């Protein structure tokens, strides 16, 4: 085998270190359409289907995607390590802390519908009022997370879009009223399998900045 050049085989590329320079969270009831094509054929970010509401500003902690992974191991007397391992659960969650008091942030925290009967009215048009039900409903949501970065060389946008087609509130933080900080309503949502989507989470990466990484087309061969 030929000698290796470490720089070549390591393929260290600073331009592939990503940050969410800007990001946004959107929520909809499950009556809204699934997000299936967030980009057009040229890699241009498209508008979301009707019914998705923006969550607005969040704390500087941003969005934390995590989950739980558990396996079932088979141990054998002739081996110090498991001789077989199978995945039992592999869940995905998203956690964030909204800073705005808007329809999406309140509805996600209080488990209210985002549209239709029981939804909060348009901001400022009527009194907001809600009561805790005797039996809390099991209310699934559709969630979309969009992060924007820039291609270091070209300055063109680079997007990561993640879609939870069916998510359920699995936790919420304390709501604190104080003169020294904003009223925030932190929540955690767990992704669940959606029959129509066939998955609990889909992620896309595209944008002009992403396509700038493509190798230039080879020149046509001279006849």
N, C-alpha and C. Protein backbone atom coordinates (compact mmCIF):
# COMPACT_ATOMS: atom_id res chain seq x y z
N UNK A 1 0.85 -1.20 0.00
CA UNK A 1 0.00 0.00 0.00
C UNK A 1 0.88 1.25 0.00
N UNK A 2 0.47 2.31 -0.70
CA UNK A 2 1.29 3.52 -0.73
C UNK A 2 1.28 4.25 0.61
N UNK A 3 2.31 5.06 0.84
CA UNK A 3 2.37 5.86 2.07
C UNK A 3 1.23 6.87 2.10
N UNK A 4 0.74 7.15 3.30
CA UNK A 4 -0.39 8.07 3.44
C UNK A 4 0.10 9.47 3.78
N UNK A 5 -0.59 10.46 3.24
CA UNK A 5 -0.38 11.85 3.62
C UNK A 5 -1.47 12.19 4.64
N UNK A 6 -1.08 12.44 5.89
CA UNK A 6 -2.07 12.62 6.96
C UNK A 6 -3.04 13.76 6.64
N UNK A 7 -2.54 14.87 6.11
CA UNK A 7 -3.41 16.01 5.80
C UNK A 7 -4.50 15.61 4.82
N UNK A 8 -4.15 14.77 3.85
CA UNK A 8 -5.14 14.35 2.86
C UNK A 8 -6.15 13.37 3.43
N UNK A 9 -5.68 12.39 4.19
CA UNK A 9 -6.62 11.36 4.67
C UNK A 9 -7.48 11.88 5.82
N UNK A 10 -7.00 12.89 6.57
CA UNK A 10 -7.80 13.43 7.67
C UNK A 10 -8.97 14.26 7.16
N UNK A 11 -8.82 14.90 6.00
CA UNK A 11 -9.88 15.72 5.40
C UNK A 11 -10.46 16.71 6.41
N UNK A 12 -9.60 17.47 7.06
CA UNK A 12 -10.05 18.48 8.02
C UNK A 12 -10.56 19.70 7.25
N UNK A 13 -11.84 20.04 7.44
CA UNK A 13 -12.45 21.13 6.68
C UNK A 13 -13.13 22.11 7.64
N UNK A 14 -12.53 23.27 7.81
CA UNK A 14 -13.11 24.28 8.70
C UNK A 14 -14.48 24.73 8.23
N UNK A 15 -14.67 24.73 6.92
CA UNK A 15 -15.94 25.21 6.38
C UNK A 15 -17.13 24.34 6.71
N UNK A 16 -16.88 23.13 7.25
CA UNK A 16 -17.98 22.25 7.62
C UNK A 16 -18.30 22.32 9.11
N UNK A 17 -17.67 23.23 9.84
CA UNK A 17 -18.04 23.46 11.23
C UNK A 17 -19.22 24.41 11.25
N UNK A 18 -20.35 23.92 11.68
CA UNK A 18 -21.61 24.66 11.56
C UNK A 18 -22.00 25.32 12.89
N UNK A 19 -22.68 26.46 12.76
CA UNK A 19 -23.29 27.13 13.91
C UNK A 19 -24.69 27.58 13.50
N UNK A 20 -25.57 27.66 14.47
CA UNK A 20 -26.91 28.20 14.22
C UNK A 20 -26.85 29.71 14.46
N UNK A 21 -26.38 30.44 13.44
CA UNK A 21 -26.27 31.89 13.59
C UNK A 21 -27.64 32.51 13.83
N UNK A 22 -28.64 31.95 13.16
CA UNK A 22 -30.03 32.33 13.41
C UNK A 22 -30.84 31.03 13.41
N UNK A 23 -31.87 30.99 14.22
CA UNK A 23 -32.72 29.80 14.24
C UNK A 23 -34.13 30.22 14.62
N UNK A 24 -35.08 29.37 14.26
CA UNK A 24 -36.48 29.65 14.56
C UNK A 24 -37.20 28.33 14.80
N UNK A 25 -38.25 28.41 15.62
CA UNK A 25 -39.08 27.25 15.95
C UNK A 25 -40.51 27.56 15.53
N UNK A 26 -41.17 26.59 14.92
CA UNK A 26 -42.55 26.76 14.47
C UNK A 26 -43.37 25.57 14.96
N UNK A 27 -44.63 25.81 15.29
CA UNK A 27 -45.51 24.76 15.80
C UNK A 27 -46.87 24.83 15.12
N UNK A 28 -47.46 23.66 14.93
CA UNK A 28 -48.80 23.59 14.33
C UNK A 28 -49.55 22.42 14.94
N UNK A 29 -50.87 22.45 14.81
CA UNK A 29 -51.66 21.29 15.19
C UNK A 29 -51.45 20.21 14.13
N UNK A 30 -51.84 18.99 14.46
CA UNK A 30 -51.64 17.89 13.52
C UNK A 30 -52.60 17.94 12.34
N UNK A 31 -53.52 18.90 12.35
CA UNK A 31 -54.39 19.10 11.18
C UNK A 31 -53.63 19.81 10.06
N UNK A 32 -52.51 20.44 10.39
CA UNK A 32 -51.70 21.11 9.36
C UNK A 32 -50.96 20.08 8.52
N UNK A 33 -50.60 20.46 7.31
CA UNK A 33 -49.89 19.55 6.42
C UNK A 33 -48.50 19.24 6.97
N UNK A 34 -48.02 18.05 6.66
CA UNK A 34 -46.64 17.70 6.97
C UNK A 34 -45.69 18.55 6.14
N UNK A 35 -44.50 18.76 6.66
CA UNK A 35 -43.44 19.40 5.88
C UNK A 35 -42.70 18.29 5.14
N UNK A 36 -42.77 18.33 3.83
CA UNK A 36 -42.16 17.27 3.02
C UNK A 36 -41.08 17.80 2.08
N UNK A 37 -41.17 19.05 1.68
CA UNK A 37 -40.19 19.63 0.76
C UNK A 37 -39.87 21.06 1.20
N UNK A 38 -39.00 21.23 2.20
CA UNK A 38 -38.69 22.58 2.67
C UNK A 38 -37.81 23.38 1.71
N UNK A 39 -37.28 22.73 0.67
CA UNK A 39 -36.44 23.40 -0.32
C UNK A 39 -36.95 23.09 -1.72
N UNK A 40 -36.75 24.03 -2.64
CA UNK A 40 -37.07 23.73 -4.03
C UNK A 40 -35.90 23.03 -4.70
N UNK A 41 -36.00 22.77 -5.98
CA UNK A 41 -34.95 22.02 -6.67
C UNK A 41 -33.63 22.76 -6.73
N UNK A 42 -33.66 24.08 -6.51
CA UNK A 42 -32.43 24.87 -6.52
C UNK A 42 -31.85 25.06 -5.13
N UNK A 43 -32.49 24.44 -4.11
CA UNK A 43 -31.99 24.58 -2.75
C UNK A 43 -32.46 25.84 -2.05
N UNK A 44 -33.52 26.48 -2.55
CA UNK A 44 -34.04 27.70 -1.93
C UNK A 44 -35.06 27.33 -0.86
N UNK A 45 -34.91 27.89 0.33
CA UNK A 45 -35.83 27.61 1.43
C UNK A 45 -37.24 28.08 1.07
N UNK A 46 -38.23 27.24 1.33
CA UNK A 46 -39.61 27.53 1.00
C UNK A 46 -40.42 27.89 2.25
N UNK A 47 -41.56 28.54 2.06
CA UNK A 47 -42.44 28.86 3.16
C UNK A 47 -43.08 27.58 3.71
N UNK A 48 -43.44 27.61 4.97
CA UNK A 48 -44.07 26.45 5.60
C UNK A 48 -45.55 26.39 5.22
N UNK A 49 -46.17 25.22 5.33
CA UNK A 49 -47.61 25.12 5.08
C UNK A 49 -48.41 26.00 6.05
N UNK A 50 -49.65 26.27 5.72
CA UNK A 50 -50.52 27.06 6.58
C UNK A 50 -50.67 26.39 7.94
N UNK A 51 -50.75 27.21 8.97
CA UNK A 51 -51.01 26.69 10.32
C UNK A 51 -49.81 26.64 11.23
N UNK A 52 -48.61 26.86 10.70
CA UNK A 52 -47.41 26.84 11.53
C UNK A 52 -47.16 28.23 12.12
N UNK A 53 -47.11 28.31 13.45
CA UNK A 53 -46.92 29.58 14.15
C UNK A 53 -45.50 29.69 14.69
N UNK A 54 -44.87 30.86 14.59
CA UNK A 54 -43.52 31.02 15.14
C UNK A 54 -43.53 31.14 16.65
N UNK A 55 -42.57 30.50 17.30
CA UNK A 55 -42.43 30.58 18.75
C UNK A 55 -41.76 31.89 19.16
N UNK A 56 -40.96 32.47 18.27
CA UNK A 56 -40.31 33.76 18.56
C UNK A 56 -39.00 33.61 19.30
N UNK A 57 -38.64 34.66 20.03
CA UNK A 57 -37.37 34.68 20.74
C UNK A 57 -37.32 33.58 21.79
N UNK A 58 -36.12 33.00 21.96
CA UNK A 58 -35.86 32.05 23.04
C UNK A 58 -34.63 32.52 23.81
N UNK A 59 -34.35 31.87 24.92
CA UNK A 59 -33.14 32.20 25.68
C UNK A 59 -31.91 31.80 24.87
N UNK A 60 -30.75 32.27 25.31
CA UNK A 60 -29.51 32.02 24.58
C UNK A 60 -29.09 30.55 24.61
N UNK A 61 -29.76 29.73 25.40
CA UNK A 61 -29.47 28.29 25.38
C UNK A 61 -29.95 27.64 24.08
N UNK A 62 -30.82 28.33 23.36
CA UNK A 62 -31.28 27.82 22.08
C UNK A 62 -32.15 26.58 22.21
N UNK A 63 -32.03 25.70 21.23
CA UNK A 63 -32.78 24.45 21.22
C UNK A 63 -31.82 23.30 21.52
N UNK A 64 -32.20 22.45 22.45
CA UNK A 64 -31.39 21.28 22.78
C UNK A 64 -32.11 20.03 22.30
N UNK A 65 -31.49 19.32 21.35
CA UNK A 65 -32.04 18.06 20.87
C UNK A 65 -31.35 16.93 21.63
N UNK A 66 -32.13 16.10 22.25
CA UNK A 66 -31.57 14.98 22.99
C UNK A 66 -32.54 13.82 22.92
N UNK A 67 -32.38 12.87 23.80
CA UNK A 67 -33.27 11.72 23.79
C UNK A 67 -32.75 10.65 24.72
N UNK A 68 -33.27 9.47 24.53
CA UNK A 68 -32.90 8.35 25.38
C UNK A 68 -32.68 7.12 24.50
N UNK A 69 -31.55 6.46 24.72
CA UNK A 69 -31.22 5.25 23.97
C UNK A 69 -30.97 4.13 24.96
N UNK A 70 -31.67 3.04 24.79
CA UNK A 70 -31.45 1.88 25.66
C UNK A 70 -31.33 0.63 24.80
N UNK A 71 -30.51 -0.29 25.26
CA UNK A 71 -30.28 -1.53 24.53
C UNK A 71 -30.47 -2.73 25.46
N UNK A 72 -30.69 -3.85 24.84
CA UNK A 72 -30.82 -5.11 25.57
C UNK A 72 -29.63 -5.98 25.16
N UNK A 73 -28.79 -6.33 26.15
CA UNK A 73 -27.57 -7.09 25.88
C UNK A 73 -27.73 -8.56 26.26
N UNK A 74 -27.07 -9.41 25.48
CA UNK A 74 -26.95 -10.82 25.81
C UNK A 74 -25.52 -11.07 26.28
N UNK A 75 -25.37 -11.61 27.48
CA UNK A 75 -24.06 -11.90 28.03
C UNK A 75 -23.81 -13.40 27.99
N UNK A 76 -22.59 -13.74 27.68
CA UNK A 76 -22.21 -15.15 27.57
C UNK A 76 -21.02 -15.45 28.47
N UNK A 77 -20.95 -16.67 28.95
CA UNK A 77 -19.89 -17.04 29.87
C UNK A 77 -18.51 -17.03 29.24
N UNK A 78 -18.44 -17.12 27.91
CA UNK A 78 -17.14 -17.17 27.25
C UNK A 78 -16.66 -15.79 26.78
N UNK A 79 -17.37 -14.73 27.11
CA UNK A 79 -16.98 -13.40 26.61
C UNK A 79 -17.16 -12.37 27.70
N UNK A 80 -16.17 -11.46 27.81
CA UNK A 80 -16.26 -10.38 28.80
C UNK A 80 -17.17 -9.25 28.33
N UNK A 81 -17.40 -9.18 27.03
CA UNK A 81 -18.30 -8.16 26.49
C UNK A 81 -19.55 -8.84 25.95
N UNK A 82 -20.66 -8.11 25.81
CA UNK A 82 -21.90 -8.72 25.32
C UNK A 82 -21.68 -9.38 23.96
N UNK A 83 -22.32 -10.52 23.77
CA UNK A 83 -22.21 -11.22 22.49
C UNK A 83 -23.33 -10.84 21.53
N UNK A 84 -24.31 -10.10 22.03
CA UNK A 84 -25.36 -9.57 21.18
C UNK A 84 -25.98 -8.38 21.89
N UNK A 85 -26.36 -7.36 21.09
CA UNK A 85 -27.02 -6.19 21.65
C UNK A 85 -28.07 -5.69 20.67
N UNK A 86 -29.27 -5.41 21.18
CA UNK A 86 -30.37 -4.93 20.34
C UNK A 86 -30.94 -3.65 20.93
N UNK A 87 -31.30 -2.72 20.06
CA UNK A 87 -31.89 -1.46 20.50
C UNK A 87 -33.30 -1.72 21.00
N UNK A 88 -33.60 -1.24 22.20
CA UNK A 88 -34.95 -1.35 22.76
C UNK A 88 -35.73 -0.06 22.55
N UNK A 89 -35.14 1.08 22.90
CA UNK A 89 -35.79 2.38 22.70
C UNK A 89 -34.77 3.38 22.18
N UNK A 90 -35.23 4.27 21.34
CA UNK A 90 -34.38 5.34 20.83
C UNK A 90 -35.29 6.54 20.57
N UNK A 91 -35.43 7.38 21.58
CA UNK A 91 -36.36 8.51 21.49
C UNK A 91 -35.63 9.81 21.20
N UNK A 92 -36.36 10.76 20.63
CA UNK A 92 -35.81 12.09 20.31
C UNK A 92 -36.66 13.15 20.99
N UNK A 93 -36.01 14.13 21.60
CA UNK A 93 -36.72 15.23 22.25
C UNK A 93 -36.09 16.56 21.85
N UNK A 94 -36.85 17.62 22.03
CA UNK A 94 -36.36 18.98 21.81
C UNK A 94 -36.81 19.83 23.00
N UNK A 95 -35.88 20.65 23.51
CA UNK A 95 -36.18 21.49 24.67
C UNK A 95 -35.75 22.91 24.37
N UNK A 96 -36.60 23.87 24.74
CA UNK A 96 -36.27 25.28 24.54
C UNK A 96 -37.07 26.12 25.53
N UNK A 97 -36.66 27.38 25.69
CA UNK A 97 -37.32 28.29 26.62
C UNK A 97 -37.73 29.55 25.87
N UNK A 98 -39.00 29.68 25.49
CA UNK A 98 -39.46 30.90 24.82
C UNK A 98 -39.41 32.10 25.75
N UNK A 99 -39.14 33.25 25.18
CA UNK A 99 -39.13 34.50 25.95
C UNK A 99 -40.35 35.38 25.64
N UNK A 100 -41.01 35.11 24.54
CA UNK A 100 -42.17 35.91 24.17
C UNK A 100 -43.45 35.33 24.76
N UNK A 101 -44.39 36.20 25.06
CA UNK A 101 -45.73 35.76 25.42
C UNK A 101 -46.58 35.89 24.16
N UNK A 102 -46.51 34.87 23.33
CA UNK A 102 -47.30 34.86 22.10
C UNK A 102 -48.14 33.59 22.04
N UNK A 103 -48.96 33.46 21.01
CA UNK A 103 -49.91 32.35 20.95
C UNK A 103 -49.21 31.00 20.94
N UNK A 104 -48.13 30.88 20.19
CA UNK A 104 -47.45 29.59 20.10
C UNK A 104 -46.80 29.21 21.42
N UNK A 105 -46.08 30.15 22.03
CA UNK A 105 -45.37 29.86 23.28
C UNK A 105 -46.34 29.48 24.39
N UNK A 106 -47.44 30.21 24.51
CA UNK A 106 -48.41 29.93 25.56
C UNK A 106 -49.13 28.61 25.29
N UNK A 107 -49.53 28.38 24.04
CA UNK A 107 -50.26 27.16 23.71
C UNK A 107 -49.41 25.92 23.93
N UNK A 108 -48.14 25.98 23.58
CA UNK A 108 -47.26 24.83 23.78
C UNK A 108 -47.03 24.55 25.27
N UNK A 109 -46.96 25.62 26.05
CA UNK A 109 -46.72 25.47 27.50
C UNK A 109 -47.98 24.98 28.21
N UNK A 110 -49.13 25.56 27.85
CA UNK A 110 -50.38 25.26 28.54
C UNK A 110 -51.17 24.11 27.91
N UNK A 111 -50.63 23.53 26.83
CA UNK A 111 -51.29 22.42 26.15
C UNK A 111 -52.63 22.83 25.54
N UNK A 112 -52.64 24.00 24.87
CA UNK A 112 -53.82 24.52 24.22
C UNK A 112 -53.74 24.26 22.72
N UNK A 113 -54.87 24.22 22.03
CA UNK A 113 -54.82 24.09 20.57
C UNK A 113 -54.22 25.34 19.95
N UNK A 114 -53.56 25.17 18.84
CA UNK A 114 -52.96 26.31 18.13
C UNK A 114 -53.91 26.92 17.12
N UNK A 115 -54.96 26.18 16.78
CA UNK A 115 -55.95 26.69 15.84
C UNK A 115 -57.31 26.09 16.18
N UNK A 116 -58.36 26.67 15.62
CA UNK A 116 -59.70 26.13 15.84
C UNK A 116 -60.26 26.48 17.21
N UNK A 117 -61.24 25.70 17.66
CA UNK A 117 -61.89 25.94 18.94
C UNK A 117 -60.91 25.81 20.08
N UNK A 118 -60.93 26.79 20.98
CA UNK A 118 -60.05 26.77 22.14
C UNK A 118 -58.71 27.42 21.93
N UNK A 119 -58.39 27.80 20.68
CA UNK A 119 -57.12 28.47 20.42
C UNK A 119 -57.16 29.90 20.92
N UNK A 120 -56.02 30.44 21.27
CA UNK A 120 -55.95 31.84 21.69
C UNK A 120 -56.30 32.75 20.53
N UNK A 121 -56.97 33.87 20.80
CA UNK A 121 -57.32 34.80 19.72
C UNK A 121 -56.08 35.51 19.19
N UNK A 122 -56.26 36.21 18.09
CA UNK A 122 -55.17 37.00 17.53
C UNK A 122 -54.70 38.01 18.56
N UNK A 123 -53.40 38.18 18.64
CA UNK A 123 -52.78 39.05 19.64
C UNK A 123 -53.44 40.43 19.66
N UNK A 124 -53.96 40.80 20.84
CA UNK A 124 -54.51 42.13 21.03
C UNK A 124 -55.95 42.31 20.60
N UNK A 125 -56.58 41.29 20.00
CA UNK A 125 -57.94 41.47 19.49
C UNK A 125 -59.02 41.13 20.51
N UNK A 126 -58.67 40.35 21.52
CA UNK A 126 -59.65 39.95 22.54
C UNK A 126 -58.89 39.52 23.79
N UNK A 127 -59.65 39.35 24.88
CA UNK A 127 -59.04 38.91 26.13
C UNK A 127 -58.55 37.48 25.99
N UNK A 128 -57.31 37.26 26.41
CA UNK A 128 -56.79 35.90 26.46
C UNK A 128 -57.25 35.28 27.78
N UNK A 129 -57.86 34.12 27.69
CA UNK A 129 -58.25 33.41 28.91
C UNK A 129 -58.25 31.91 28.64
N UNK A 130 -57.78 31.15 29.61
CA UNK A 130 -57.82 29.70 29.50
C UNK A 130 -57.89 29.11 30.89
N UNK A 131 -58.43 27.91 30.99
CA UNK A 131 -58.56 27.21 32.26
C UNK A 131 -57.99 25.81 32.11
N UNK A 132 -57.41 25.33 33.19
CA UNK A 132 -56.87 23.97 33.18
C UNK A 132 -58.03 22.96 33.20
N UNK A 133 -58.06 22.03 32.24
CA UNK A 133 -59.15 21.05 32.20
C UNK A 133 -59.01 20.03 33.32
N UNK A 134 -60.12 19.44 33.69
CA UNK A 134 -60.11 18.42 34.73
C UNK A 134 -59.25 17.23 34.30
N UNK A 135 -59.38 16.85 33.03
CA UNK A 135 -58.57 15.77 32.46
C UNK A 135 -57.74 16.35 31.33
N UNK A 136 -56.44 16.51 31.51
CA UNK A 136 -55.61 17.11 30.45
C UNK A 136 -55.66 16.28 29.17
N UNK A 137 -55.85 16.93 28.02
CA UNK A 137 -55.90 16.19 26.77
C UNK A 137 -54.51 15.76 26.32
N UNK A 138 -54.47 14.69 25.55
CA UNK A 138 -53.24 14.28 24.90
C UNK A 138 -53.19 14.98 23.55
N UNK A 139 -52.37 16.02 23.46
CA UNK A 139 -52.41 16.90 22.28
C UNK A 139 -51.06 16.85 21.54
N UNK A 140 -51.08 16.23 20.39
CA UNK A 140 -49.87 16.15 19.58
C UNK A 140 -49.70 17.41 18.74
N UNK A 141 -48.45 17.71 18.41
CA UNK A 141 -48.11 18.89 17.60
C UNK A 141 -47.23 18.47 16.42
N UNK A 142 -47.17 19.37 15.46
CA UNK A 142 -46.13 19.29 14.45
C UNK A 142 -45.14 20.42 14.76
N UNK A 143 -43.85 20.09 14.79
CA UNK A 143 -42.81 21.07 15.11
C UNK A 143 -41.80 21.15 13.98
N UNK A 144 -41.33 22.37 13.72
CA UNK A 144 -40.29 22.59 12.71
C UNK A 144 -39.22 23.48 13.33
N UNK A 145 -37.97 23.08 13.16
CA UNK A 145 -36.82 23.84 13.65
C UNK A 145 -35.94 24.18 12.44
N UNK A 146 -35.62 25.45 12.29
CA UNK A 146 -34.80 25.89 11.16
C UNK A 146 -33.59 26.65 11.69
N UNK A 147 -32.40 26.21 11.31
CA UNK A 147 -31.16 26.90 11.66
C UNK A 147 -30.51 27.44 10.39
N UNK A 148 -30.00 28.66 10.47
CA UNK A 148 -29.32 29.27 9.33
C UNK A 148 -27.87 29.55 9.67
N UNK A 149 -26.98 29.15 8.78
CA UNK A 149 -25.56 29.44 8.87
C UNK A 149 -25.13 30.02 7.54
N UNK A 150 -23.87 30.39 7.42
CA UNK A 150 -23.35 30.95 6.17
C UNK A 150 -22.14 30.15 5.71
N UNK A 151 -22.04 29.96 4.42
CA UNK A 151 -20.85 29.35 3.85
C UNK A 151 -19.69 30.31 4.02
N UNK A 152 -18.61 29.83 4.65
CA UNK A 152 -17.48 30.69 4.98
C UNK A 152 -16.85 31.31 3.74
N UNK A 153 -16.82 30.57 2.63
CA UNK A 153 -16.14 31.06 1.44
C UNK A 153 -17.01 31.97 0.59
N UNK A 154 -18.31 31.64 0.47
CA UNK A 154 -19.17 32.37 -0.46
C UNK A 154 -20.14 33.33 0.24
N UNK A 155 -20.39 33.10 1.53
CA UNK A 155 -21.34 33.94 2.25
C UNK A 155 -22.79 33.58 1.98
N UNK A 156 -23.04 32.53 1.20
CA UNK A 156 -24.41 32.12 0.91
C UNK A 156 -25.01 31.34 2.08
N UNK A 157 -26.33 31.40 2.24
CA UNK A 157 -26.95 30.74 3.39
C UNK A 157 -26.93 29.22 3.29
N UNK A 158 -26.90 28.62 4.45
CA UNK A 158 -26.82 27.18 4.64
C UNK A 158 -27.87 26.85 5.69
N UNK A 159 -28.80 25.95 5.39
CA UNK A 159 -29.92 25.70 6.31
C UNK A 159 -29.96 24.25 6.78
N UNK A 160 -30.33 24.09 8.04
CA UNK A 160 -30.67 22.77 8.59
C UNK A 160 -32.12 22.87 9.05
N UNK A 161 -32.96 21.99 8.52
CA UNK A 161 -34.39 21.97 8.87
C UNK A 161 -34.70 20.62 9.50
N UNK A 162 -35.29 20.65 10.67
CA UNK A 162 -35.69 19.41 11.35
C UNK A 162 -37.18 19.45 11.62
N UNK A 163 -37.85 18.35 11.32
CA UNK A 163 -39.31 18.28 11.45
C UNK A 163 -39.69 17.13 12.36
N UNK A 164 -40.42 17.45 13.45
CA UNK A 164 -41.07 16.44 14.27
C UNK A 164 -42.53 16.40 13.81
N UNK A 165 -42.95 15.42 13.04
CA UNK A 165 -44.33 15.42 12.52
C UNK A 165 -45.38 15.15 13.59
N UNK A 166 -44.98 14.53 14.69
CA UNK A 166 -45.93 14.22 15.76
C UNK A 166 -45.19 14.27 17.09
N UNK A 167 -45.36 15.36 17.82
CA UNK A 167 -44.62 15.57 19.07
C UNK A 167 -45.59 15.83 20.21
N UNK A 168 -45.22 15.34 21.39
CA UNK A 168 -46.07 15.46 22.57
C UNK A 168 -45.28 16.12 23.69
N UNK A 169 -45.92 17.03 24.41
CA UNK A 169 -45.26 17.69 25.53
C UNK A 169 -44.91 16.66 26.59
N UNK A 170 -43.62 16.60 26.94
CA UNK A 170 -43.16 15.63 27.93
C UNK A 170 -42.59 16.30 29.18
N UNK A 171 -42.51 17.63 29.18
CA UNK A 171 -42.02 18.34 30.35
C UNK A 171 -42.16 19.83 30.18
N UNK A 172 -42.21 20.54 31.29
CA UNK A 172 -42.23 21.99 31.23
C UNK A 172 -41.56 22.54 32.49
N UNK A 173 -40.91 23.68 32.32
CA UNK A 173 -40.19 24.29 33.43
C UNK A 173 -41.12 25.21 34.23
N UNK A 174 -40.60 25.71 35.33
CA UNK A 174 -41.38 26.63 36.15
C UNK A 174 -41.59 27.95 35.41
N UNK A 175 -42.75 28.53 35.58
CA UNK A 175 -43.03 29.88 35.08
C UNK A 175 -42.85 30.84 36.26
N UNK A 176 -41.87 31.71 36.16
CA UNK A 176 -41.54 32.61 37.27
C UNK A 176 -41.84 34.06 36.90
N UNK A 177 -42.48 34.77 37.81
CA UNK A 177 -42.76 36.20 37.62
C UNK A 177 -41.81 36.99 38.52
N UNK A 178 -40.98 37.82 37.92
CA UNK A 178 -40.05 38.63 38.68
C UNK A 178 -39.72 39.87 37.88
N UNK A 179 -39.40 40.94 38.56
CA UNK A 179 -39.10 42.20 37.88
C UNK A 179 -37.72 42.20 37.24
N UNK A 180 -36.89 41.20 37.51
CA UNK A 180 -35.52 41.19 37.00
C UNK A 180 -35.33 40.31 35.77
N UNK A 181 -36.37 39.60 35.33
CA UNK A 181 -36.22 38.72 34.17
C UNK A 181 -37.56 38.58 33.45
N UNK A 182 -37.47 38.18 32.19
CA UNK A 182 -38.69 37.99 31.41
C UNK A 182 -39.46 36.77 31.91
N UNK A 183 -40.76 36.76 31.67
CA UNK A 183 -41.58 35.58 31.97
C UNK A 183 -41.33 34.57 30.86
N UNK A 184 -40.78 33.43 31.21
CA UNK A 184 -40.45 32.41 30.22
C UNK A 184 -41.22 31.13 30.50
N UNK A 185 -41.39 30.35 29.45
CA UNK A 185 -42.21 29.13 29.56
C UNK A 185 -41.48 27.98 28.87
N UNK A 186 -40.47 27.43 29.52
CA UNK A 186 -39.67 26.37 28.94
C UNK A 186 -40.43 25.06 28.81
N UNK A 187 -40.26 24.40 27.68
CA UNK A 187 -40.96 23.14 27.43
C UNK A 187 -40.01 22.11 26.81
N UNK A 188 -40.38 20.86 26.96
CA UNK A 188 -39.71 19.76 26.28
C UNK A 188 -40.77 18.97 25.52
N UNK A 189 -40.49 18.68 24.26
CA UNK A 189 -41.41 17.89 23.44
C UNK A 189 -40.69 16.65 22.92
N UNK A 190 -41.37 15.53 23.01
CA UNK A 190 -40.82 14.27 22.52
C UNK A 190 -41.45 13.92 21.18
N UNK A 191 -40.61 13.45 20.26
CA UNK A 191 -41.09 13.07 18.94
C UNK A 191 -41.65 11.65 18.97
N UNK A 192 -42.76 11.45 18.26
CA UNK A 192 -43.38 10.13 18.15
C UNK A 192 -43.58 9.79 16.68
N UNK A 193 -43.64 8.51 16.39
CA UNK A 193 -43.83 8.05 15.03
C UNK A 193 -45.15 8.58 14.47
N UNK A 194 -45.07 9.16 13.29
CA UNK A 194 -46.26 9.62 12.59
C UNK A 194 -46.54 8.65 11.44
N UNK A 195 -47.75 8.12 11.40
CA UNK A 195 -48.06 7.10 10.40
C UNK A 195 -47.91 7.63 8.98
N UNK A 196 -48.38 8.85 8.74
CA UNK A 196 -48.31 9.41 7.39
C UNK A 196 -46.87 9.69 6.98
N UNK A 197 -46.07 10.21 7.91
CA UNK A 197 -44.67 10.53 7.59
C UNK A 197 -43.80 9.28 7.60
N UNK A 198 -44.18 8.26 8.37
CA UNK A 198 -43.39 7.04 8.45
C UNK A 198 -42.14 7.19 9.29
N UNK A 199 -42.06 8.24 10.11
CA UNK A 199 -40.89 8.49 10.95
C UNK A 199 -41.29 9.42 12.09
N UNK A 200 -40.40 9.55 13.08
CA UNK A 200 -40.65 10.51 14.15
C UNK A 200 -39.84 11.79 13.97
N UNK A 201 -38.92 11.80 13.01
CA UNK A 201 -38.09 13.00 12.80
C UNK A 201 -37.43 12.93 11.43
N UNK A 202 -37.47 14.05 10.72
CA UNK A 202 -36.80 14.16 9.43
C UNK A 202 -35.94 15.42 9.44
N UNK A 203 -34.72 15.31 8.91
CA UNK A 203 -33.81 16.45 8.86
C UNK A 203 -33.32 16.65 7.43
N UNK A 204 -33.31 17.91 7.01
CA UNK A 204 -32.80 18.28 5.69
C UNK A 204 -31.65 19.27 5.85
N UNK A 205 -30.67 19.21 4.97
CA UNK A 205 -29.61 20.21 4.87
C UNK A 205 -29.54 20.67 3.42
N UNK A 206 -29.68 21.97 3.21
CA UNK A 206 -29.64 22.49 1.85
C UNK A 206 -29.43 24.00 1.91
N UNK A 207 -29.57 24.63 0.79
CA UNK A 207 -29.33 26.07 0.69
C UNK A 207 -28.20 26.34 -0.29
N UNK A 208 -28.12 27.58 -0.77
CA UNK A 208 -27.06 27.91 -1.72
C UNK A 208 -25.68 27.66 -1.12
N UNK A 209 -25.52 27.96 0.16
CA UNK A 209 -24.24 27.75 0.81
C UNK A 209 -23.84 26.28 0.84
N UNK A 210 -24.82 25.39 0.99
CA UNK A 210 -24.55 23.96 0.97
C UNK A 210 -24.14 23.51 -0.43
N UNK A 211 -24.84 24.00 -1.43
CA UNK A 211 -24.57 23.58 -2.80
C UNK A 211 -23.25 24.14 -3.32
N UNK A 212 -22.75 25.18 -2.65
CA UNK A 212 -21.44 25.71 -3.04
C UNK A 212 -20.33 24.71 -2.77
N UNK A 213 -20.60 23.71 -1.90
CA UNK A 213 -19.58 22.71 -1.61
C UNK A 213 -19.41 21.72 -2.76
N UNK A 214 -20.39 21.66 -3.66
CA UNK A 214 -20.33 20.71 -4.75
C UNK A 214 -19.10 20.96 -5.61
N UNK A 215 -18.48 19.88 -6.05
CA UNK A 215 -17.28 20.02 -6.89
C UNK A 215 -17.68 20.62 -8.23
N UNK A 216 -16.85 21.48 -8.82
CA UNK A 216 -17.18 22.05 -10.11
C UNK A 216 -17.27 20.98 -11.18
N UNK A 217 -18.15 21.20 -12.13
CA UNK A 217 -18.34 20.22 -13.20
C UNK A 217 -17.07 20.07 -14.02
N UNK A 218 -16.79 18.85 -14.41
CA UNK A 218 -15.60 18.59 -15.22
C UNK A 218 -15.78 19.19 -16.60
N UNK A 219 -14.73 19.78 -17.17
CA UNK A 219 -14.85 20.35 -18.51
C UNK A 219 -15.12 19.27 -19.53
N UNK A 220 -15.85 19.60 -20.60
CA UNK A 220 -16.14 18.57 -21.62
C UNK A 220 -14.88 18.09 -22.29
N UNK A 221 -14.88 16.83 -22.63
CA UNK A 221 -13.72 16.25 -23.27
C UNK A 221 -13.56 16.78 -24.71
N UNK A 222 -12.33 17.01 -25.10
CA UNK A 222 -12.05 17.49 -26.45
C UNK A 222 -12.15 16.32 -27.42
N UNK A 223 -12.97 16.46 -28.45
CA UNK A 223 -13.10 15.33 -29.39
C UNK A 223 -11.81 15.09 -30.14
